[in-house]
């Protein structure tokens, strides 16, 4: 299995494609990881690792719903730019 930094780079490299292309449309990072696994870019174990990392490291305001986003989304549904910024920050920390 690849390390978390490599997996985050893969996610970053694909987030726009999977979130903006109509034929691939998804509106969450977890949706992108599922699509990457479906397309055999990452393994099931890597998908689980990425999903757990996103859940554990997203900003606290997002986790608590303090910004008004509730349910399963850590960011506003379909907000690609915030997700890209967050992914870049996480990669730079590692």
PDB file of N, CA and C in Angstrom:
ATOM      1  N   UNK A   1       0.842  -1.187   0.000  1.00  0.00           N
ATOM      2  CA  UNK A   1       0.000   0.000   0.000  1.00  0.00           C
ATOM      3  C   UNK A   1       0.885   1.248   0.000  1.00  0.00           C
ATOM      4  N   UNK A   2       0.457   2.257  -0.734  1.00  0.00           N
ATOM      5  CA  UNK A   2       1.199   3.522  -0.772  1.00  0.00           C
ATOM      6  C   UNK A   2       0.984   4.298   0.526  1.00  0.00           C
ATOM      7  N   UNK A   3       1.922   5.191   0.842  1.00  0.00           N
ATOM      8  CA  UNK A   3       1.785   5.982   2.069  1.00  0.00           C
ATOM      9  C   UNK A   3       0.752   7.093   1.880  1.00  0.00           C
ATOM     10  N   UNK A   4       0.351   7.693   2.992  1.00  0.00           N
ATOM     11  CA  UNK A   4      -0.748   8.666   2.958  1.00  0.00           C
ATOM     12  C   UNK A   4      -0.411   9.883   2.099  1.00  0.00           C
ATOM     13  N   UNK A   5       0.827  10.315   2.090  1.00  0.00           N
ATOM     14  CA  UNK A   5       1.177  11.466   1.255  1.00  0.00           C
ATOM     15  C   UNK A   5       0.985  11.136  -0.229  1.00  0.00           C
ATOM     16  N   UNK A   6       1.428   9.961  -0.647  1.00  0.00           N
ATOM     17  CA  UNK A   6       1.237   9.539  -2.037  1.00  0.00           C
ATOM     18  C   UNK A   6      -0.256   9.448  -2.372  1.00  0.00           C
ATOM     19  N   UNK A   7      -1.039   8.927  -1.443  1.00  0.00           N
ATOM     20  CA  UNK A   7      -2.479   8.799  -1.672  1.00  0.00           C
ATOM     21  C   UNK A   7      -3.160  10.161  -1.757  1.00  0.00           C
ATOM     22  N   UNK A   8      -2.738  11.104  -0.914  1.00  0.00           N
ATOM     23  CA  UNK A   8      -3.310  12.452  -0.972  1.00  0.00           C
ATOM     24  C   UNK A   8      -2.967  13.132  -2.296  1.00  0.00           C
ATOM     25  N   UNK A   9      -1.767  12.901  -2.806  1.00  0.00           N
ATOM     26  CA  UNK A   9      -1.376  13.460  -4.107  1.00  0.00           C
ATOM     27  C   UNK A   9      -2.249  12.863  -5.215  1.00  0.00           C
ATOM     28  N   UNK A  10      -2.497  11.572  -5.166  1.00  0.00           N
ATOM     29  CA  UNK A  10      -3.387  10.940  -6.148  1.00  0.00           C
ATOM     30  C   UNK A  10      -4.780  11.558  -6.067  1.00  0.00           C
ATOM     31  N   UNK A  11      -5.288  11.738  -4.849  1.00  0.00           N
ATOM     32  CA  UNK A  11      -6.599  12.349  -4.669  1.00  0.00           C
ATOM     33  C   UNK A  11      -6.614  13.767  -5.224  1.00  0.00           C
ATOM     34  N   UNK A  12      -5.596  14.562  -4.901  1.00  0.00           N
ATOM     35  CA  UNK A  12      -5.503  15.931  -5.409  1.00  0.00           C
ATOM     36  C   UNK A  12      -5.450  15.947  -6.940  1.00  0.00           C
ATOM     37  N   UNK A  13      -4.658  15.066  -7.512  1.00  0.00           N
ATOM     38  CA  UNK A  13      -4.511  15.027  -8.968  1.00  0.00           C
ATOM     39  C   UNK A  13      -5.811  14.658  -9.687  1.00  0.00           C
ATOM     40  N   UNK A  14      -6.733  14.033  -8.974  1.00  0.00           N
ATOM     41  CA  UNK A  14      -7.963  13.546  -9.604  1.00  0.00           C
ATOM     42  C   UNK A  14      -9.227  14.254  -9.151  1.00  0.00           C
ATOM     43  N   UNK A  15      -9.157  15.081  -8.123  1.00  0.00           N
ATOM     44  CA  UNK A  15     -10.379  15.650  -7.544  1.00  0.00           C
ATOM     45  C   UNK A  15     -11.148  16.507  -8.556  1.00  0.00           C
ATOM     46  N   UNK A  16     -10.460  17.312  -9.323  1.00  0.00           N
ATOM     47  CA  UNK A  16     -11.166  18.145 -10.308  1.00  0.00           C
ATOM     48  C   UNK A  16     -11.832  17.295 -11.379  1.00  0.00           C
ATOM     49  N   UNK A  17     -11.123  16.298 -11.875  1.00  0.00           N
ATOM     50  CA  UNK A  17     -11.686  15.442 -12.909  1.00  0.00           C
ATOM     51  C   UNK A  17     -12.959  14.769 -12.437  1.00  0.00           C
ATOM     52  N   UNK A  18     -12.907  14.208 -11.240  1.00  0.00           N
ATOM     53  CA  UNK A  18     -14.063  13.458 -10.746  1.00  0.00           C
ATOM     54  C   UNK A  18     -15.178  14.347 -10.227  1.00  0.00           C
ATOM     55  N   UNK A  19     -14.850  15.568  -9.807  1.00  0.00           N
ATOM     56  CA  UNK A  19     -15.900  16.443  -9.279  1.00  0.00           C
ATOM     57  C   UNK A  19     -16.484  17.373 -10.334  1.00  0.00           C
ATOM     58  N   UNK A  20     -15.781  17.599 -11.422  1.00  0.00           N
ATOM     59  CA  UNK A  20     -16.258  18.569 -12.407  1.00  0.00           C
ATOM     60  C   UNK A  20     -16.692  17.958 -13.730  1.00  0.00           C
ATOM     61  N   UNK A  21     -16.184  16.798 -14.065  1.00  0.00           N
ATOM     62  CA  UNK A  21     -16.553  16.184 -15.335  1.00  0.00           C
ATOM     63  C   UNK A  21     -17.935  15.556 -15.195  1.00  0.00           C
ATOM     64  N   UNK A  22     -18.829  15.931 -16.044  1.00  0.00           N
ATOM     65  CA  UNK A  22     -20.222  15.470 -15.929  1.00  0.00           C
ATOM     66  C   UNK A  22     -20.344  13.945 -15.884  1.00  0.00           C
ATOM     67  N   UNK A  23     -19.559  13.248 -16.703  1.00  0.00           N
ATOM     68  CA  UNK A  23     -19.692  11.792 -16.734  1.00  0.00           C
ATOM     69  C   UNK A  23     -19.130  11.124 -15.476  1.00  0.00           C
ATOM     70  N   UNK A  24     -18.300  11.839 -14.730  1.00  0.00           N
ATOM     71  CA  UNK A  24     -17.714  11.292 -13.501  1.00  0.00           C
ATOM     72  C   UNK A  24     -18.270  11.957 -12.256  1.00  0.00           C
ATOM     73  N   UNK A  25     -19.258  12.826 -12.385  1.00  0.00           N
ATOM     74  CA  UNK A  25     -19.639  13.738 -11.309  1.00  0.00           C
ATOM     75  C   UNK A  25     -19.863  13.066  -9.962  1.00  0.00           C
ATOM     76  N   UNK A  26     -19.186  13.590  -8.971  1.00  0.00           N
ATOM     77  CA  UNK A  26     -19.403  13.280  -7.565  1.00  0.00           C
ATOM     78  C   UNK A  26     -19.232  14.590  -6.811  1.00  0.00           C
ATOM     79  N   UNK A  27     -19.763  14.687  -5.617  1.00  0.00           N
ATOM     80  CA  UNK A  27     -19.706  15.970  -4.913  1.00  0.00           C
ATOM     81  C   UNK A  27     -19.004  15.901  -3.569  1.00  0.00           C
ATOM     82  N   UNK A  28     -18.145  14.902  -3.374  1.00  0.00           N
ATOM     83  CA  UNK A  28     -17.423  14.784  -2.110  1.00  0.00           C
ATOM     84  C   UNK A  28     -16.083  14.104  -2.327  1.00  0.00           C
ATOM     85  N   UNK A  29     -15.167  14.291  -1.369  1.00  0.00           N
ATOM     86  CA  UNK A  29     -13.878  13.604  -1.454  1.00  0.00           C
ATOM     87  C   UNK A  29     -14.061  12.093  -1.327  1.00  0.00           C
ATOM     88  N   UNK A  30     -14.965  11.674  -0.465  1.00  0.00           N
ATOM     89  CA  UNK A  30     -15.216  10.236  -0.315  1.00  0.00           C
ATOM     90  C   UNK A  30     -15.797   9.654  -1.595  1.00  0.00           C
ATOM     91  N   UNK A  31     -16.595  10.428  -2.288  1.00  0.00           N
ATOM     92  CA  UNK A  31     -17.104   9.984  -3.580  1.00  0.00           C
ATOM     93  C   UNK A  31     -15.986   9.823  -4.586  1.00  0.00           C
ATOM     94  N   UNK A  32     -15.018  10.729  -4.528  1.00  0.00           N
ATOM     95  CA  UNK A  32     -13.859  10.635  -5.436  1.00  0.00           C
ATOM     96  C   UNK A  32     -13.047   9.392  -5.109  1.00  0.00           C
ATOM     97  N   UNK A  33     -12.811   9.122  -3.814  1.00  0.00           N
ATOM     98  CA  UNK A  33     -12.028   7.934  -3.464  1.00  0.00           C
ATOM     99  C   UNK A  33     -12.744   6.657  -3.934  1.00  0.00           C
ATOM    100  N   UNK A  34     -14.065   6.626  -3.807  1.00  0.00           N
ATOM    101  CA  UNK A  34     -14.822   5.459  -4.283  1.00  0.00           C
ATOM    102  C   UNK A  34     -14.680   5.306  -5.793  1.00  0.00           C
ATOM    103  N   UNK A  35     -14.728   6.415  -6.515  1.00  0.00           N
ATOM    104  CA  UNK A  35     -14.565   6.368  -7.968  1.00  0.00           C
ATOM    105  C   UNK A  35     -13.157   5.924  -8.356  1.00  0.00           C
ATOM    106  N   UNK A  36     -12.159   6.394  -7.607  1.00  0.00           N
ATOM    107  CA  UNK A  36     -10.777   5.989  -7.884  1.00  0.00           C
ATOM    108  C   UNK A  36     -10.598   4.487  -7.664  1.00  0.00           C
ATOM    109  N   UNK A  37     -11.241   3.949  -6.639  1.00  0.00           N
ATOM    110  CA  UNK A  37     -11.171   2.503  -6.405  1.00  0.00           C
ATOM    111  C   UNK A  37     -11.898   1.764  -7.523  1.00  0.00           C
ATOM    112  N   UNK A  38     -13.076   2.246  -7.884  1.00  0.00           N
ATOM    113  CA  UNK A  38     -13.849   1.620  -8.964  1.00  0.00           C
ATOM    114  C   UNK A  38     -13.029   1.547 -10.252  1.00  0.00           C
ATOM    115  N   UNK A  39     -12.279   2.626 -10.507  1.00  0.00           N
ATOM    116  CA  UNK A  39     -11.474   2.707 -11.725  1.00  0.00           C
ATOM    117  C   UNK A  39     -10.087   2.079 -11.563  1.00  0.00           C
ATOM    118  N   UNK A  40      -9.866   1.435 -10.415  1.00  0.00           N
ATOM    119  CA  UNK A  40      -8.636   0.696 -10.129  1.00  0.00           C
ATOM    120  C   UNK A  40      -7.384   1.579 -10.075  1.00  0.00           C
ATOM    121  N   UNK A  41      -7.586   2.833  -9.680  1.00  0.00           N
ATOM    122  CA  UNK A  41      -6.456   3.745  -9.465  1.00  0.00           C
ATOM    123  C   UNK A  41      -5.874   3.497  -8.076  1.00  0.00           C
ATOM    124  N   UNK A  42      -6.756   3.204  -7.115  1.00  0.00           N
ATOM    125  CA  UNK A  42      -6.346   2.867  -5.749  1.00  0.00           C
ATOM    126  C   UNK A  42      -7.048   1.564  -5.355  1.00  0.00           C
ATOM    127  N   UNK A  43      -6.517   0.941  -4.299  1.00  0.00           N
ATOM    128  CA  UNK A  43      -7.112  -0.295  -3.792  1.00  0.00           C
ATOM    129  C   UNK A  43      -8.188   0.020  -2.757  1.00  0.00           C
ATOM    130  N   UNK A  44      -8.924  -1.006  -2.367  1.00  0.00           N
ATOM    131  CA  UNK A  44      -9.939  -0.846  -1.333  1.00  0.00           C
ATOM    132  C   UNK A  44      -9.293  -0.371  -0.031  1.00  0.00           C
ATOM    133  N   UNK A  45      -8.150  -0.945   0.329  1.00  0.00           N
ATOM    134  CA  UNK A  45      -7.434  -0.544   1.553  1.00  0.00           C
ATOM    135  C   UNK A  45      -7.003   0.924   1.472  1.00  0.00           C
ATOM    136  N   UNK A  46      -6.539   1.349   0.304  1.00  0.00           N
ATOM    137  CA  UNK A  46      -6.136   2.746   0.129  1.00  0.00           C
ATOM    138  C   UNK A  46      -7.339   3.676   0.201  1.00  0.00           C
ATOM    139  N   UNK A  47      -8.482   3.256  -0.349  1.00  0.00           N
ATOM    140  CA  UNK A  47      -9.704   4.054  -0.235  1.00  0.00           C
ATOM    141  C   UNK A  47     -10.073   4.238   1.231  1.00  0.00           C
ATOM    142  N   UNK A  48     -10.068   3.165   1.989  1.00  0.00           N
ATOM    143  CA  UNK A  48     -10.399   3.226   3.416  1.00  0.00           C
ATOM    144  C   UNK A  48      -9.433   4.153   4.154  1.00  0.00           C
ATOM    145  N   UNK A  49      -8.144   4.048   3.843  1.00  0.00           N
ATOM    146  CA  UNK A  49      -7.117   4.880   4.477  1.00  0.00           C
ATOM    147  C   UNK A  49      -7.344   6.353   4.167  1.00  0.00           C
ATOM    148  N   UNK A  50      -7.624   6.675   2.912  1.00  0.00           N
ATOM    149  CA  UNK A  50      -7.892   8.061   2.529  1.00  0.00           C
ATOM    150  C   UNK A  50      -9.148   8.600   3.211  1.00  0.00           C
ATOM    151  N   UNK A  51     -10.223   7.818   3.207  1.00  0.00           N
ATOM    152  CA  UNK A  51     -11.464   8.264   3.841  1.00  0.00           C
ATOM    153  C   UNK A  51     -11.261   8.520   5.327  1.00  0.00           C
ATOM    154  N   UNK A  52     -10.521   7.648   5.996  1.00  0.00           N
ATOM    155  CA  UNK A  52     -10.251   7.824   7.425  1.00  0.00           C
ATOM    156  C   UNK A  52      -9.402   9.069   7.666  1.00  0.00           C
ATOM    157  N   UNK A  53      -8.414   9.302   6.802  1.00  0.00           N
ATOM    158  CA  UNK A  53      -7.563  10.488   6.946  1.00  0.00           C
ATOM    159  C   UNK A  53      -8.391  11.762   6.790  1.00  0.00           C
ATOM    160  N   UNK A  54      -9.222  11.812   5.773  1.00  0.00           N
ATOM    161  CA  UNK A  54     -10.066  12.992   5.544  1.00  0.00           C
ATOM    162  C   UNK A  54     -10.947  13.239   6.767  1.00  0.00           C
ATOM    163  N   UNK A  55     -11.579  12.196   7.258  1.00  0.00           N
ATOM    164  CA  UNK A  55     -12.465  12.332   8.409  1.00  0.00           C
ATOM    165  C   UNK A  55     -11.719  12.808   9.654  1.00  0.00           C
ATOM    166  N   UNK A  56     -10.526  12.298   9.880  1.00  0.00           N
ATOM    167  CA  UNK A  56      -9.758  12.629  11.076  1.00  0.00           C
ATOM    168  C   UNK A  56      -9.080  13.995  11.018  1.00  0.00           C
ATOM    169  N   UNK A  57      -8.823  14.511   9.821  1.00  0.00           N
ATOM    170  CA  UNK A  57      -8.019  15.729   9.689  1.00  0.00           C
ATOM    171  C   UNK A  57      -8.752  16.948   9.151  1.00  0.00           C
ATOM    172  N   UNK A  58     -10.021  16.807   8.796  1.00  0.00           N
ATOM    173  CA  UNK A  58     -10.714  17.996   8.295  1.00  0.00           C
ATOM    174  C   UNK A  58     -10.806  19.022   9.429  1.00  0.00           C
ATOM    175  N   UNK A  59     -10.859  20.305   9.092  1.00  0.00           N
ATOM    176  CA  UNK A  59     -10.914  21.349  10.122  1.00  0.00           C
ATOM    177  C   UNK A  59     -12.077  21.124  11.086  1.00  0.00           C
ATOM    178  N   UNK A  60     -11.848  21.426  12.357  1.00  0.00           N
ATOM    179  CA  UNK A  60     -12.849  21.169  13.397  1.00  0.00           C
ATOM    180  C   UNK A  60     -14.177  21.860  13.108  1.00  0.00           C
ATOM    181  N   UNK A  61     -14.151  23.073  12.562  1.00  0.00           N
ATOM    182  CA  UNK A  61     -15.394  23.779  12.230  1.00  0.00           C
ATOM    183  C   UNK A  61     -16.244  22.989  11.244  1.00  0.00           C
ATOM    184  N   UNK A  62     -15.584  22.250  10.384  1.00  0.00           N
ATOM    185  CA  UNK A  62     -16.314  21.448   9.409  1.00  0.00           C
ATOM    186  C   UNK A  62     -16.919  20.222  10.073  1.00  0.00           C
ATOM    187  N   UNK A  63     -16.135  19.590  10.970  1.00  0.00           N
ATOM    188  CA  UNK A  63     -16.609  18.389  11.654  1.00  0.00           C
ATOM    189  C   UNK A  63     -17.848  18.666  12.497  1.00  0.00           C
ATOM    190  N   UNK A  64     -17.875  19.802  13.149  1.00  0.00           N
ATOM    191  CA  UNK A  64     -18.959  20.096  14.077  1.00  0.00           C
ATOM    192  C   UNK A  64     -20.183  20.683  13.398  1.00  0.00           C
ATOM    193  N   UNK A  65     -20.060  21.036  12.130  1.00  0.00           N
ATOM    194  CA  UNK A  65     -21.187  21.655  11.432  1.00  0.00           C
ATOM    195  C   UNK A  65     -21.314  23.136  11.750  1.00  0.00           C
ATOM    196  N   UNK A  66     -20.280  23.716  12.369  1.00  0.00           N
ATOM    197  CA  UNK A  66     -20.327  25.126  12.770  1.00  0.00           C
ATOM    198  C   UNK A  66     -20.476  26.060  11.578  1.00  0.00           C
ATOM    199  N   UNK A  67     -20.088  25.606  10.417  1.00  0.00           N
ATOM    200  CA  UNK A  67     -20.181  26.445   9.222  1.00  0.00           C
ATOM    201  C   UNK A  67     -21.491  26.224   8.469  1.00  0.00           C
ATOM    202  N   UNK A  68     -22.349  25.404   9.035  1.00  0.00           N
ATOM    203  CA  UNK A  68     -23.660  25.193   8.430  1.00  0.00           C
ATOM    204  C   UNK A  68     -23.752  24.011   7.492  1.00  0.00           C
ATOM    205  N   UNK A  69     -22.666  23.284   7.334  1.00  0.00           N
ATOM    206  CA  UNK A  69     -22.692  22.105   6.475  1.00  0.00           C
ATOM    207  C   UNK A  69     -22.995  20.908   7.362  1.00  0.00           C
ATOM    208  N   UNK A  70     -24.068  20.243   7.102  1.00  0.00           N
ATOM    209  CA  UNK A  70     -24.457  19.120   7.942  1.00  0.00           C
ATOM    210  C   UNK A  70     -24.535  17.847   7.126  1.00  0.00           C
ATOM    211  N   UNK A  71     -24.720  16.766   7.802  1.00  0.00           N
ATOM    212  CA  UNK A  71     -24.819  15.489   7.118  1.00  0.00           C
ATOM    213  C   UNK A  71     -23.458  14.905   6.854  1.00  0.00           C
ATOM    214  N   UNK A  72     -23.282  14.323   5.681  1.00  0.00           N
ATOM    215  CA  UNK A  72     -22.056  13.579   5.393  1.00  0.00           C
ATOM    216  C   UNK A  72     -20.951  14.433   4.771  1.00  0.00           C
ATOM    217  N   UNK A  73     -21.209  15.695   4.535  1.00  0.00           N
ATOM    218  CA  UNK A  73     -20.224  16.530   3.841  1.00  0.00           C
ATOM    219  C   UNK A  73     -19.420  17.379   4.807  1.00  0.00           C
ATOM    220  N   UNK A  74     -18.097  17.367   4.644  1.00  0.00           N
ATOM    221  CA  UNK A  74     -17.237  18.212   5.455  1.00  0.00           C
ATOM    222  C   UNK A  74     -17.136  19.620   4.906  1.00  0.00           C
ATOM    223  N   UNK A  75     -17.392  19.760   3.629  1.00  0.00           N
ATOM    224  CA  UNK A  75     -17.387  21.053   2.961  1.00  0.00           C
ATOM    225  C   UNK A  75     -18.710  21.195   2.241  1.00  0.00           C
ATOM    226  N   UNK A  76     -18.979  22.392   1.787  1.00  0.00           N
ATOM    227  CA  UNK A  76     -20.214  22.589   1.030  1.00  0.00           C
ATOM    228  C   UNK A  76     -20.222  21.622  -0.160  1.00  0.00           C
ATOM    229  N   UNK A  77     -21.353  21.024  -0.403  1.00  0.00           N
ATOM    230  CA  UNK A  77     -21.489  20.067  -1.488  1.00  0.00           C
ATOM    231  C   UNK A  77     -21.006  20.668  -2.800  1.00  0.00           C
ATOM    232  N   UNK A  78     -20.095  19.975  -3.466  1.00  0.00           N
ATOM    233  CA  UNK A  78     -19.620  20.405  -4.772  1.00  0.00           C
ATOM    234  C   UNK A  78     -18.558  21.486  -4.761  1.00  0.00           C
ATOM    235  N   UNK A  79     -18.124  21.955  -3.584  1.00  0.00           N
ATOM    236  CA  UNK A  79     -17.113  23.009  -3.481  1.00  0.00           C
ATOM    237  C   UNK A  79     -15.728  22.416  -3.719  1.00  0.00           C
ATOM    238  N   UNK A  80     -15.297  22.447  -4.961  1.00  0.00           N
ATOM    239  CA  UNK A  80     -14.036  21.830  -5.355  1.00  0.00           C
ATOM    240  C   UNK A  80     -12.840  22.619  -4.821  1.00  0.00           C
ATOM    241  N   UNK A  81     -12.871  23.931  -4.923  1.00  0.00           N
ATOM    242  CA  UNK A  81     -11.716  24.751  -4.564  1.00  0.00           C
ATOM    243  C   UNK A  81     -11.314  24.597  -3.097  1.00  0.00           C
ATOM    244  N   UNK A  82     -12.286  24.560  -2.186  1.00  0.00           N
ATOM    245  CA  UNK A  82     -11.959  24.380  -0.763  1.00  0.00           C
ATOM    246  C   UNK A  82     -11.316  23.030  -0.515  1.00  0.00           C
ATOM    247  N   UNK A  83     -11.774  22.031  -1.206  1.00  0.00           N
ATOM    248  CA  UNK A  83     -11.199  20.695  -1.060  1.00  0.00           C
ATOM    249  C   UNK A  83      -9.773  20.659  -1.601  1.00  0.00           C
ATOM    250  N   UNK A  84      -9.533  21.306  -2.732  1.00  0.00           N
ATOM    251  CA  UNK A  84      -8.186  21.351  -3.317  1.00  0.00           C
ATOM    252  C   UNK A  84      -7.232  22.073  -2.376  1.00  0.00           C
ATOM    253  N   UNK A  85      -7.646  23.198  -1.848  1.00  0.00           N
ATOM    254  CA  UNK A  85      -6.813  23.956  -0.905  1.00  0.00           C
ATOM    255  C   UNK A  85      -6.472  23.101   0.307  1.00  0.00           C
ATOM    256  N   UNK A  86      -7.455  22.432   0.868  1.00  0.00           N
ATOM    257  CA  UNK A  86      -7.237  21.591   2.041  1.00  0.00           C
ATOM    258  C   UNK A  86      -6.271  20.450   1.718  1.00  0.00           C
ATOM    259  N   UNK A  87      -6.449  19.800   0.560  1.00  0.00           N
ATOM    260  CA  UNK A  87      -5.546  18.724   0.177  1.00  0.00           C
ATOM    261  C   UNK A  87      -4.108  19.214   0.038  1.00  0.00           C
ATOM    262  N   UNK A  88      -3.925  20.368  -0.562  1.00  0.00           N
ATOM    263  CA  UNK A  88      -2.566  20.930  -0.697  1.00  0.00           C
ATOM    264  C   UNK A  88      -1.947  21.209   0.664  1.00  0.00           C
ATOM    265  N   UNK A  89      -2.744  21.740   1.588  1.00  0.00           N
ATOM    266  CA  UNK A  89      -2.259  22.013   2.940  1.00  0.00           C
ATOM    267  C   UNK A  89      -1.838  20.721   3.638  1.00  0.00           C
ATOM    268  N   UNK A  90      -2.643  19.688   3.490  1.00  0.00           N
ATOM    269  CA  UNK A  90      -2.331  18.407   4.133  1.00  0.00           C
ATOM    270  C   UNK A  90      -1.054  17.809   3.549  1.00  0.00           C
ATOM    271  N   UNK A  91      -0.897  17.848   2.245  1.00  0.00           N
ATOM    272  CA  UNK A  91       0.299  17.313   1.607  1.00  0.00           C
ATOM    273  C   UNK A  91       1.532  18.067   2.073  1.00  0.00           C
ATOM    274  N   UNK A  92       1.432  19.400   2.175  1.00  0.00           N
ATOM    275  CA  UNK A  92       2.582  20.196   2.609  1.00  0.00           C
ATOM    276  C   UNK A  92       2.961  19.934   4.054  1.00  0.00           C
ATOM    277  N   UNK A  93       2.013  19.496   4.874  1.00  0.00           N
ATOM    278  CA  UNK A  93       2.298  19.189   6.280  1.00  0.00           C
ATOM    279  C   UNK A  93       3.093  17.895   6.436  1.00  0.00           C
ATOM    280  N   UNK A  94       2.963  17.019   5.456  1.00  0.00           N
ATOM    281  CA  UNK A  94       3.603  15.686   5.576  1.00  0.00           C
ATOM    282  C   UNK A  94       5.023  15.664   5.033  1.00  0.00           C
TER     283      UNK A  94
END
